[in-house]
Amino acid sequence: MPHPNQRVRVTRWPVPVLFLGLVLATLGACASGQDGGSPSSATAPVSGHSGPAPQRVAVTHTMPTDITDLVLPATGADTRWAQGLDALGRLAADKATRQCLASHDATMPPQPPVSFLRYSAVPDLDFIARHGFNGVPVPDGAAATSTAGSPADAAPSGPDAAQRTCLTRGSAVGNDFRTSYLRLQTQWWQEVASLNSTPEVRSAFGEFGRCLAGHKTPAKDESAFFDLVDRRLQAGDTDRSLGALYATCMKPVEDTREPLRQHLRDNFREEHRGEVEKVRTTLPRTIRDLERRYDIRISFPAP
């Protein structure tokens, strides 16, 4: 049976979305000025693990034919588009923070790299089977830059005050970017979550639990399984074998949910035609503007 509100080591939020990064992403959020009150964190809570250093994987810069696939993922492979979109905003926030700190001659607080964070509501089973659950760093080939001139408003004196000022400014950059698509995406995640209450999906989650039992896994459901993953990573062990097991046992669930989500997305696009067309029109320009402004490039994890 699904446990849509359960995540690993994380507080409850209205719409459970991301797998990874409670420890990593919380540190990254602090360093990038992304606090828990941002629109993104309120609708896309982050959960995850510390443990082994994140691995690097291949990426692609190729955009989907329909730009709204970045906002409305229906399959595990689709979520790679959404991961890249989310990561672009966090990377821009990080860059903006660093630029601001350079202008104040202040240092960046310690932080992990900005990473692609995978989605529990629409799990990417192929990727999880190959790479486990840990975060994947976002490539950043841009040279360090600094802002020209002084900030418009006077910043409080002292390095701690400068850091707070710059973290806030970085957070604003990320949040401003997310406002271009967040409302539509939040509505989509709510639709996705509603599928877990359907009889066929609930039945498929029963198969998930039986599969775990058949592999003698000390977890009876998805929530307990994520707890197991978290403990394994906290101990410094690899989670690769657990990723392969999760992909195997979750496959019947995804075989059931994926066609339902694809049909749901077709209807969703029709019912939200105005908002969808607005995103199609504005999002490409918003992405390009952010890339130019911070000398970054949107990228997506490749299998």
C-alpha atoms as a PDB file:
ATOM      1  CA  MET A   1       0.000   0.000   0.000  1.00  0.00           C
ATOM      2  CA  PRO A   2       1.441   3.410  -0.865  1.00  0.00           C
ATOM      3  CA  HIS A   3       2.661   5.848   1.707  1.00  0.00           C
ATOM      4  CA  PRO A   4       2.697   9.090  -0.266  1.00  0.00           C
ATOM      5  CA  ASN A   5       3.452  11.278   2.726  1.00  0.00           C
ATOM      6  CA  GLN A   6       6.456   9.278   3.876  1.00  0.00           C
ATOM      7  CA  ARG A   7       9.956  10.307   2.982  1.00  0.00           C
ATOM      8  CA  VAL A   8      13.345   9.612   4.416  1.00  0.00           C
ATOM      9  CA  ARG A   9      14.213  11.752   7.432  1.00  0.00           C
ATOM     10  CA  VAL A  10      12.033  14.679   6.484  1.00  0.00           C
ATOM     11  CA  THR A  11       9.083  16.569   7.852  1.00  0.00           C
ATOM     12  CA  ARG A  12       5.681  16.273   6.220  1.00  0.00           C
ATOM     13  CA  TRP A  13       4.646  18.637   3.435  1.00  0.00           C
ATOM     14  CA  PRO A  14       1.511  19.006   1.333  1.00  0.00           C
ATOM     15  CA  VAL A  15       2.860  17.261  -1.788  1.00  0.00           C
ATOM     16  CA  PRO A  16       5.635  14.650  -1.432  1.00  0.00           C
ATOM     17  CA  VAL A  17       7.884  14.962  -4.457  1.00  0.00           C
ATOM     18  CA  LEU A  18      11.632  14.526  -4.114  1.00  0.00           C
ATOM     19  CA  PHE A  19      13.646  11.536  -2.968  1.00  0.00           C
ATOM     20  CA  LEU A  20      16.979  12.958  -2.138  1.00  0.00           C
ATOM     21  CA  GLY A  21      18.957  15.483  -0.212  1.00  0.00           C
ATOM     22  CA  LEU A  22      17.598  16.218   3.265  1.00  0.00           C
ATOM     23  CA  VAL A  23      21.103  16.507   4.635  1.00  0.00           C
ATOM     24  CA  LEU A  24      22.735  17.447   1.337  1.00  0.00           C
ATOM     25  CA  ALA A  25      19.978  19.666   0.059  1.00  0.00           C
ATOM     26  CA  THR A  26      19.374  21.338   3.402  1.00  0.00           C
ATOM     27  CA  LEU A  27      23.014  22.368   3.490  1.00  0.00           C
ATOM     28  CA  GLY A  28      22.857  23.391  -0.139  1.00  0.00           C
ATOM     29  CA  ALA A  29      19.682  25.357   0.477  1.00  0.00           C
ATOM     30  CA  CYS A  30      21.347  27.269   3.282  1.00  0.00           C
ATOM     31  CA  ALA A  31      24.355  28.013   1.131  1.00  0.00           C
ATOM     32  CA  SER A  32      22.208  29.016  -1.809  1.00  0.00           C
ATOM     33  CA  GLY A  33      19.734  31.050   0.198  1.00  0.00           C
ATOM     34  CA  GLN A  34      16.898  28.599  -0.310  1.00  0.00           C
ATOM     35  CA  ASP A  35      15.044  28.469   2.961  1.00  0.00           C
ATOM     36  CA  GLY A  36      12.237  26.145   3.932  1.00  0.00           C
ATOM     37  CA  GLY A  37       9.678  28.854   3.345  1.00  0.00           C
ATOM     38  CA  SER A  38      10.337  29.179  -0.355  1.00  0.00           C
ATOM     39  CA  PRO A  39       7.568  28.276  -2.780  1.00  0.00           C
ATOM     40  CA  SER A  40       9.637  25.389  -4.098  1.00  0.00           C
ATOM     41  CA  SER A  41      10.206  23.741  -0.749  1.00  0.00           C
ATOM     42  CA  ALA A  42       6.580  24.156   0.241  1.00  0.00           C
ATOM     43  CA  THR A  43       5.352  22.208  -2.754  1.00  0.00           C
ATOM     44  CA  ALA A  44       8.323  19.985  -3.538  1.00  0.00           C
ATOM     45  CA  PRO A  45       9.804  18.799  -0.214  1.00  0.00           C
ATOM     46  CA  VAL A  46      13.286  17.375  -0.354  1.00  0.00           C
ATOM     47  CA  SER A  47      14.301  14.238   1.485  1.00  0.00           C
ATOM     48  CA  GLY A  48      17.364  12.112   1.360  1.00  0.00           C
ATOM     49  CA  HIS A  49      20.628  10.932   2.676  1.00  0.00           C
ATOM     50  CA  SER A  50      24.129  11.760   3.701  1.00  0.00           C
ATOM     51  CA  GLY A  51      26.766   9.101   3.255  1.00  0.00           C
ATOM     52  CA  PRO A  52      28.981   8.329   0.267  1.00  0.00           C
ATOM     53  CA  ALA A  53      29.932  11.217  -1.972  1.00  0.00           C
ATOM     54  CA  PRO A  54      27.509  11.735  -4.863  1.00  0.00           C
ATOM     55  CA  GLN A  55      28.596  10.142  -8.111  1.00  0.00           C
ATOM     56  CA  ARG A  56      28.830  11.962 -11.414  1.00  0.00           C
ATOM     57  CA  VAL A  57      26.877  10.751 -14.413  1.00  0.00           C
ATOM     58  CA  ALA A  58      26.527  11.765 -18.033  1.00  0.00           C
ATOM     59  CA  VAL A  59      24.200  14.638 -18.840  1.00  0.00           C
ATOM     60  CA  THR A  60      22.439  15.937 -21.910  1.00  0.00           C
ATOM     61  CA  HIS A  61      21.571  19.502 -22.855  1.00  0.00           C
ATOM     62  CA  THR A  62      18.948  18.494 -25.406  1.00  0.00           C
ATOM     63  CA  MET A  63      15.518  19.926 -24.635  1.00  0.00           C
ATOM     64  CA  PRO A  64      12.287  17.955 -25.108  1.00  0.00           C
ATOM     65  CA  THR A  65      10.060  18.695 -28.072  1.00  0.00           C
ATOM     66  CA  ASP A  66       7.329  19.953 -25.746  1.00  0.00           C
ATOM     67  CA  ILE A  67       8.778  22.319 -23.151  1.00  0.00           C
ATOM     68  CA  THR A  68       5.965  21.479 -20.724  1.00  0.00           C
ATOM     69  CA  ASP A  69       7.455  17.994 -20.293  1.00  0.00           C
ATOM     70  CA  LEU A  70       9.932  19.756 -17.996  1.00  0.00           C
ATOM     71  CA  VAL A  71       7.035  20.754 -15.759  1.00  0.00           C
ATOM     72  CA  LEU A  72       4.618  17.811 -16.091  1.00  0.00           C
ATOM     73  CA  PRO A  73       6.575  14.532 -15.847  1.00  0.00           C
ATOM     74  CA  ALA A  74       4.487  11.391 -16.338  1.00  0.00           C
ATOM     75  CA  THR A  75       7.230   8.746 -16.524  1.00  0.00           C
ATOM     76  CA  GLY A  76      10.490   8.117 -14.730  1.00  0.00           C
ATOM     77  CA  ALA A  77      12.429   9.177 -17.809  1.00  0.00           C
ATOM     78  CA  ASP A  78      10.338  12.369 -17.961  1.00  0.00           C
ATOM     79  CA  THR A  79      11.488  13.291 -14.464  1.00  0.00           C
ATOM     80  CA  ARG A  80      14.997  13.845 -15.789  1.00  0.00           C
ATOM     81  CA  TRP A  81      13.602  16.912 -17.555  1.00  0.00           C
ATOM     82  CA  ALA A  82      12.020  18.094 -14.309  1.00  0.00           C
ATOM     83  CA  GLN A  83      15.243  17.462 -12.387  1.00  0.00           C
ATOM     84  CA  GLY A  84      17.157  19.655 -14.816  1.00  0.00           C
ATOM     85  CA  LEU A  85      14.615  22.448 -14.565  1.00  0.00           C
ATOM     86  CA  ASP A  86      14.702  22.385 -10.771  1.00  0.00           C
ATOM     87  CA  ALA A  87      18.504  22.183 -10.737  1.00  0.00           C
ATOM     88  CA  LEU A  88      18.823  25.213 -13.024  1.00  0.00           C
ATOM     89  CA  GLY A  89      17.022  27.401 -10.499  1.00  0.00           C
ATOM     90  CA  ARG A  90      19.154  26.135  -7.628  1.00  0.00           C
ATOM     91  CA  LEU A  91      22.347  26.560  -9.654  1.00  0.00           C
ATOM     92  CA  ALA A  92      21.372  30.143 -10.491  1.00  0.00           C
ATOM     93  CA  ALA A  93      20.674  30.785  -6.808  1.00  0.00           C
ATOM     94  CA  ASP A  94      24.115  29.424  -5.955  1.00  0.00           C
ATOM     95  CA  LYS A  95      25.772  31.614  -8.588  1.00  0.00           C
ATOM     96  CA  ALA A  96      23.882  34.705  -7.454  1.00  0.00           C
ATOM     97  CA  THR A  97      24.903  34.043  -3.864  1.00  0.00           C
ATOM     98  CA  ARG A  98      28.570  33.663  -4.828  1.00  0.00           C
ATOM     99  CA  GLN A  99      28.518  36.839  -6.901  1.00  0.00           C
ATOM    100  CA  CYS A 100      27.010  38.776  -4.025  1.00  0.00           C
ATOM    101  CA  LEU A 101      29.546  37.379  -1.559  1.00  0.00           C
ATOM    102  CA  ALA A 102      32.414  38.306  -3.877  1.00  0.00           C
ATOM    103  CA  SER A 103      31.161  41.876  -4.001  1.00  0.00           C
ATOM    104  CA  HIS A 104      31.201  41.921  -0.181  1.00  0.00           C
ATOM    105  CA  ASP A 105      34.604  40.196   0.015  1.00  0.00           C
ATOM    106  CA  ALA A 106      32.901  37.455   2.038  1.00  0.00           C
ATOM    107  CA  THR A 107      33.265  33.693   1.846  1.00  0.00           C
ATOM    108  CA  MET A 108      30.726  31.079   0.804  1.00  0.00           C
ATOM    109  CA  PRO A 109      29.568  28.838   3.660  1.00  0.00           C
ATOM    110  CA  PRO A 110      30.549  25.159   3.293  1.00  0.00           C
ATOM    111  CA  GLN A 111      28.130  23.302   1.076  1.00  0.00           C
ATOM    112  CA  PRO A 112      27.744  20.198  -1.084  1.00  0.00           C
ATOM    113  CA  PRO A 113      27.416  20.638  -4.842  1.00  0.00           C
ATOM    114  CA  VAL A 114      24.067  21.490  -6.385  1.00  0.00           C
ATOM    115  CA  SER A 115      22.646  18.094  -7.349  1.00  0.00           C
ATOM    116  CA  PHE A 116      19.887  16.586  -9.428  1.00  0.00           C
ATOM    117  CA  LEU A 117      17.202  15.381  -7.012  1.00  0.00           C
ATOM    118  CA  ARG A 118      14.939  12.540  -8.061  1.00  0.00           C
ATOM    119  CA  TYR A 119      11.192  12.353  -7.517  1.00  0.00           C
ATOM    120  CA  SER A 120       9.486   9.728  -5.362  1.00  0.00           C
ATOM    121  CA  ALA A 121       6.047  10.454  -6.820  1.00  0.00           C
ATOM    122  CA  VAL A 122       7.314   9.384 -10.268  1.00  0.00           C
ATOM    123  CA  PRO A 123      10.387   7.197  -9.659  1.00  0.00           C
ATOM    124  CA  ASP A 124      12.976   6.799 -12.401  1.00  0.00           C
ATOM    125  CA  LEU A 125      13.475   3.057 -11.974  1.00  0.00           C
ATOM    126  CA  ASP A 126      16.094   2.612 -14.690  1.00  0.00           C
ATOM    127  CA  PHE A 127      18.250   5.346 -13.200  1.00  0.00           C
ATOM    128  CA  ILE A 128      17.781   4.130  -9.625  1.00  0.00           C
ATOM    129  CA  ALA A 129      18.692   0.579 -10.604  1.00  0.00           C
ATOM    130  CA  ARG A 130      21.979   1.808 -12.090  1.00  0.00           C
ATOM    131  CA  HIS A 131      22.936   4.571  -9.698  1.00  0.00           C
ATOM    132  CA  GLY A 132      21.069   4.062  -6.430  1.00  0.00           C
ATOM    133  CA  PHE A 133      19.366   6.873  -4.552  1.00  0.00           C
ATOM    134  CA  ASN A 134      22.155   9.297  -3.789  1.00  0.00           C
ATOM    135  CA  GLY A 135      22.276  12.747  -5.355  1.00  0.00           C
ATOM    136  CA  VAL A 136      24.048  13.426  -8.659  1.00  0.00           C
ATOM    137  CA  PRO A 137      26.023  16.702  -8.889  1.00  0.00           C
ATOM    138  CA  VAL A 138      24.961  19.171 -11.564  1.00  0.00           C
ATOM    139  CA  PRO A 139      27.863  19.957 -13.930  1.00  0.00           C
ATOM    140  CA  ASP A 140      28.999  23.547 -13.757  1.00  0.00           C
ATOM    141  CA  GLY A 141      31.578  24.606 -16.306  1.00  0.00           C
ATOM    142  CA  ALA A 142      31.119  28.344 -15.721  1.00  0.00           C
ATOM    143  CA  ALA A 143      34.053  30.289 -14.353  1.00  0.00           C
ATOM    144  CA  ALA A 144      33.648  32.059 -11.042  1.00  0.00           C
ATOM    145  CA  THR A 145      32.386  35.574 -11.524  1.00  0.00           C
ATOM    146  CA  SER A 146      31.790  38.615  -9.399  1.00  0.00           C
ATOM    147  CA  THR A 147      29.252  41.348  -9.607  1.00  0.00           C
ATOM    148  CA  ALA A 148      30.211  44.810 -10.752  1.00  0.00           C
ATOM    149  CA  GLY A 149      29.527  47.744  -8.538  1.00  0.00           C
ATOM    150  CA  SER A 150      27.865  47.904  -5.153  1.00  0.00           C
ATOM    151  CA  PRO A 151      24.474  46.521  -4.176  1.00  0.00           C
ATOM    152  CA  ALA A 152      21.611  48.926  -4.469  1.00  0.00           C
ATOM    153  CA  ASP A 153      20.832  48.796  -0.785  1.00  0.00           C
ATOM    154  CA  ALA A 154      23.411  49.001   1.952  1.00  0.00           C
ATOM    155  CA  ALA A 155      24.206  45.633   3.531  1.00  0.00           C
ATOM    156  CA  PRO A 156      24.733  45.232   7.267  1.00  0.00           C
ATOM    157  CA  SER A 157      28.375  45.161   8.308  1.00  0.00           C
ATOM    158  CA  GLY A 158      30.268  42.009   9.234  1.00  0.00           C
ATOM    159  CA  PRO A 159      30.790  38.723   7.377  1.00  0.00           C
ATOM    160  CA  ASP A 160      27.815  36.968   8.978  1.00  0.00           C
ATOM    161  CA  ALA A 161      25.517  39.797   7.948  1.00  0.00           C
ATOM    162  CA  ALA A 162      26.979  39.740   4.431  1.00  0.00           C
ATOM    163  CA  GLN A 163      26.373  36.029   4.173  1.00  0.00           C
ATOM    164  CA  ARG A 164      22.772  36.429   5.301  1.00  0.00           C
ATOM    165  CA  THR A 165      22.231  39.234   2.795  1.00  0.00           C
ATOM    166  CA  CYS A 166      23.682  37.213  -0.073  1.00  0.00           C
ATOM    167  CA  LEU A 167      21.882  33.998   0.846  1.00  0.00           C
ATOM    168  CA  THR A 168      18.631  35.939   0.778  1.00  0.00           C
ATOM    169  CA  ARG A 169      19.424  37.398  -2.631  1.00  0.00           C
ATOM    170  CA  GLY A 170      20.360  34.007  -4.011  1.00  0.00           C
ATOM    171  CA  SER A 171      17.140  32.562  -2.674  1.00  0.00           C
ATOM    172  CA  ALA A 172      15.161  35.292  -4.413  1.00  0.00           C
ATOM    173  CA  VAL A 173      16.767  34.412  -7.755  1.00  0.00           C
ATOM    174  CA  GLY A 174      15.776  30.758  -7.444  1.00  0.00           C
ATOM    175  CA  ASN A 175      12.294  31.547  -6.220  1.00  0.00           C
ATOM    176  CA  ASP A 176      11.681  34.110  -8.967  1.00  0.00           C
ATOM    177  CA  PHE A 177      12.615  31.503 -11.568  1.00  0.00           C
ATOM    178  CA  ARG A 178      10.333  28.868 -10.079  1.00  0.00           C
ATOM    179  CA  THR A 179       7.343  31.197 -10.092  1.00  0.00           C
ATOM    180  CA  SER A 180       7.337  30.910 -13.894  1.00  0.00           C
ATOM    181  CA  TYR A 181       6.095  27.315 -13.690  1.00  0.00           C
ATOM    182  CA  LEU A 182       5.480  26.402 -10.043  1.00  0.00           C
ATOM    183  CA  ARG A 183       1.723  26.935  -9.966  1.00  0.00           C
ATOM    184  CA  LEU A 184       1.139  24.606 -12.902  1.00  0.00           C
ATOM    185  CA  GLN A 185       3.580  21.998 -11.612  1.00  0.00           C
ATOM    186  CA  THR A 186       2.059  22.030  -8.126  1.00  0.00           C
ATOM    187  CA  GLN A 187      -1.371  21.336  -9.596  1.00  0.00           C
ATOM    188  CA  TRP A 188       0.134  18.473 -11.589  1.00  0.00           C
ATOM    189  CA  TRP A 189       1.758  16.862  -8.537  1.00  0.00           C
ATOM    190  CA  GLN A 190      -1.576  16.962  -6.765  1.00  0.00           C
ATOM    191  CA  GLU A 191      -3.144  15.097  -9.678  1.00  0.00           C
ATOM    192  CA  VAL A 192      -0.317  12.555  -9.649  1.00  0.00           C
ATOM    193  CA  ALA A 193      -0.740  11.938  -5.924  1.00  0.00           C
ATOM    194  CA  SER A 194      -4.453  11.266  -6.378  1.00  0.00           C
ATOM    195  CA  LEU A 195      -3.693   8.130  -8.393  1.00  0.00           C
ATOM    196  CA  ASN A 196      -2.321   6.358  -5.328  1.00  0.00           C
ATOM    197  CA  SER A 197      -5.831   6.042  -3.915  1.00  0.00           C
ATOM    198  CA  THR A 198      -7.153   4.101  -6.917  1.00  0.00           C
ATOM    199  CA  PRO A 199      -7.850   0.381  -6.350  1.00  0.00           C
ATOM    200  CA  GLU A 200      -5.448  -0.800  -9.045  1.00  0.00           C
ATOM    201  CA  VAL A 201      -2.546   1.208  -7.668  1.00  0.00           C
ATOM    202  CA  ARG A 202      -3.246   0.125  -4.102  1.00  0.00           C
ATOM    203  CA  SER A 203      -3.252  -3.473  -5.282  1.00  0.00           C
ATOM    204  CA  ALA A 204       0.055  -2.957  -7.085  1.00  0.00           C
ATOM    205  CA  PHE A 205       1.611  -1.597  -3.898  1.00  0.00           C
ATOM    206  CA  GLY A 206       0.586  -4.836  -2.220  1.00  0.00           C
ATOM    207  CA  GLU A 207       2.756  -6.624  -4.777  1.00  0.00           C
ATOM    208  CA  PHE A 208       5.588  -4.259  -3.864  1.00  0.00           C
ATOM    209  CA  GLY A 209       5.410  -5.340  -0.225  1.00  0.00           C
ATOM    210  CA  ARG A 210       5.304  -9.019  -1.148  1.00  0.00           C
ATOM    211  CA  CYS A 211       8.324  -8.545  -3.395  1.00  0.00           C
ATOM    212  CA  LEU A 212      10.296  -7.006  -0.532  1.00  0.00           C
ATOM    213  CA  ALA A 213       9.319  -9.907   1.693  1.00  0.00           C
ATOM    214  CA  GLY A 214      10.331 -12.374  -0.999  1.00  0.00           C
ATOM    215  CA  HIS A 215      13.820 -10.844  -1.031  1.00  0.00           C
ATOM    216  CA  LYS A 216      13.942 -11.048   2.772  1.00  0.00           C
ATOM    217  CA  THR A 217      14.188  -7.273   3.009  1.00  0.00           C
ATOM    218  CA  PRO A 218      13.639  -5.856   6.529  1.00  0.00           C
ATOM    219  CA  ALA A 219      10.986  -3.432   5.243  1.00  0.00           C
ATOM    220  CA  LYS A 220       7.288  -4.030   4.726  1.00  0.00           C
ATOM    221  CA  ASP A 221       6.401  -1.031   2.555  1.00  0.00           C
ATOM    222  CA  GLU A 222       7.878   1.904   0.656  1.00  0.00           C
ATOM    223  CA  SER A 223       8.261   4.126   3.697  1.00  0.00           C
ATOM    224  CA  ALA A 224      10.121   1.455   5.671  1.00  0.00           C
ATOM    225  CA  PHE A 225      12.262   0.741   2.626  1.00  0.00           C
ATOM    226  CA  PHE A 226      13.355   4.399   2.428  1.00  0.00           C
ATOM    227  CA  ASP A 227      14.195   4.251   6.130  1.00  0.00           C
ATOM    228  CA  LEU A 228      16.426   1.267   5.366  1.00  0.00           C
ATOM    229  CA  VAL A 229      18.138   3.136   2.525  1.00  0.00           C
ATOM    230  CA  ASP A 230      18.706   6.097   4.798  1.00  0.00           C
ATOM    231  CA  ARG A 231      20.264   3.957   7.528  1.00  0.00           C
ATOM    232  CA  ARG A 232      22.519   2.274   4.994  1.00  0.00           C
ATOM    233  CA  LEU A 233      23.772   5.585   3.634  1.00  0.00           C
ATOM    234  CA  GLN A 234      24.136   7.146   7.060  1.00  0.00           C
ATOM    235  CA  ALA A 235      26.445   4.249   7.887  1.00  0.00           C
ATOM    236  CA  GLY A 236      28.575   5.088   4.860  1.00  0.00           C
ATOM    237  CA  ASP A 237      27.552   2.007   2.870  1.00  0.00           C
ATOM    238  CA  THR A 238      26.525   1.900  -0.762  1.00  0.00           C
ATOM    239  CA  ASP A 239      22.847   1.797  -1.655  1.00  0.00           C
ATOM    240  CA  ARG A 240      23.359   0.385  -5.156  1.00  0.00           C
ATOM    241  CA  SER A 241      21.958  -3.071  -4.329  1.00  0.00           C
ATOM    242  CA  LEU A 242      18.950  -1.486  -2.663  1.00  0.00           C
ATOM    243  CA  GLY A 243      18.398   0.661  -5.754  1.00  0.00           C
ATOM    244  CA  ALA A 244      18.286  -2.447  -7.939  1.00  0.00           C
ATOM    245  CA  LEU A 245      15.908  -4.146  -5.514  1.00  0.00           C
ATOM    246  CA  TYR A 246      13.630  -1.107  -5.366  1.00  0.00           C
ATOM    247  CA  ALA A 247      13.485  -0.940  -9.164  1.00  0.00           C
ATOM    248  CA  THR A 248      12.586  -4.630  -9.353  1.00  0.00           C
ATOM    249  CA  CYS A 249       9.861  -4.511  -6.719  1.00  0.00           C
ATOM    250  CA  MET A 250       8.442  -1.152  -7.814  1.00  0.00           C
ATOM    251  CA  LYS A 251       8.120  -2.153 -11.459  1.00  0.00           C
ATOM    252  CA  PRO A 252       4.577  -3.588 -11.101  1.00  0.00           C
ATOM    253  CA  VAL A 253       3.505  -0.349  -9.417  1.00  0.00           C
ATOM    254  CA  GLU A 254       4.968   1.775 -12.195  1.00  0.00           C
ATOM    255  CA  ASP A 255       3.567  -0.544 -14.877  1.00  0.00           C
ATOM    256  CA  THR A 256       0.169   0.271 -13.364  1.00  0.00           C
ATOM    257  CA  ARG A 257       0.668   3.970 -12.677  1.00  0.00           C
ATOM    258  CA  GLU A 258       2.514   5.064 -15.794  1.00  0.00           C
ATOM    259  CA  PRO A 259      -0.331   4.654 -18.329  1.00  0.00           C
ATOM    260  CA  LEU A 260      -2.689   6.243 -15.808  1.00  0.00           C
ATOM    261  CA  ARG A 261      -0.380   9.249 -15.462  1.00  0.00           C
ATOM    262  CA  GLN A 262       0.024   9.609 -19.219  1.00  0.00           C
ATOM    263  CA  HIS A 263      -3.739   9.612 -19.706  1.00  0.00           C
ATOM    264  CA  LEU A 264      -4.091  11.989 -16.770  1.00  0.00           C
ATOM    265  CA  ARG A 265      -1.532  14.349 -18.284  1.00  0.00           C
ATOM    266  CA  ASP A 266      -3.388  14.472 -21.590  1.00  0.00           C
ATOM    267  CA  ASN A 267      -6.534  15.511 -19.746  1.00  0.00           C
ATOM    268  CA  PHE A 268      -4.600  17.887 -17.491  1.00  0.00           C
ATOM    269  CA  ARG A 269      -3.109  19.738 -20.454  1.00  0.00           C
ATOM    270  CA  GLU A 270      -6.540  20.147 -21.958  1.00  0.00           C
ATOM    271  CA  GLU A 271      -8.140  21.306 -18.708  1.00  0.00           C
ATOM    272  CA  HIS A 272      -5.308  23.771 -18.002  1.00  0.00           C
ATOM    273  CA  ARG A 273      -4.841  24.850 -21.594  1.00  0.00           C
ATOM    274  CA  GLY A 274      -4.324  28.522 -20.807  1.00  0.00           C
ATOM    275  CA  GLU A 275      -1.651  27.937 -18.156  1.00  0.00           C
ATOM    276  CA  VAL A 276       0.055  25.297 -20.311  1.00  0.00           C
ATOM    277  CA  GLU A 277       0.269  27.665 -23.276  1.00  0.00           C
ATOM    278  CA  LYS A 278       1.609  30.413 -21.045  1.00  0.00           C
ATOM    279  CA  VAL A 279       4.404  28.117 -19.846  1.00  0.00           C
ATOM    280  CA  ARG A 280       5.140  27.051 -23.435  1.00  0.00           C
ATOM    281  CA  THR A 281       5.509  30.716 -24.371  1.00  0.00           C
ATOM    282  CA  THR A 282       7.409  32.090 -21.385  1.00  0.00           C
ATOM    283  CA  LEU A 283       9.522  29.245 -19.996  1.00  0.00           C
ATOM    284  CA  PRO A 284      12.037  28.969 -22.885  1.00  0.00           C
ATOM    285  CA  ARG A 285      12.736  32.696 -22.656  1.00  0.00           C
ATOM    286  CA  THR A 286      13.016  32.536 -18.863  1.00  0.00           C
ATOM    287  CA  ILE A 287      15.514  29.675 -19.091  1.00  0.00           C
ATOM    288  CA  ARG A 288      17.629  31.484 -21.681  1.00  0.00           C
ATOM    289  CA  ASP A 289      17.643  34.677 -19.629  1.00  0.00           C
ATOM    290  CA  LEU A 290      18.824  32.808 -16.529  1.00  0.00           C
ATOM    291  CA  GLU A 291      21.539  30.997 -18.504  1.00  0.00           C
ATOM    292  CA  ARG A 292      22.869  34.262 -19.931  1.00  0.00           C
ATOM    293  CA  ARG A 293      22.660  36.164 -16.668  1.00  0.00           C
ATOM    294  CA  TYR A 294      24.638  33.609 -14.641  1.00  0.00           C
ATOM    295  CA  ASP A 295      26.719  31.945 -17.365  1.00  0.00           C
ATOM    296  CA  ILE A 296      25.149  28.541 -16.721  1.00  0.00           C
ATOM    297  CA  ARG A 297      23.430  25.976 -18.909  1.00  0.00           C
ATOM    298  CA  ILE A 298      20.443  23.772 -18.273  1.00  0.00           C
ATOM    299  CA  SER A 299      21.341  20.084 -18.254  1.00  0.00           C
ATOM    300  CA  PHE A 300      19.555  16.816 -17.576  1.00  0.00           C
ATOM    301  CA  PRO A 301      20.863  13.539 -16.134  1.00  0.00           C
ATOM    302  CA  ALA A 302      21.314  10.821 -18.748  1.00  0.00           C
ATOM    303  CA  PRO A 303      21.085   7.099 -17.964  1.00  0.00           C
END
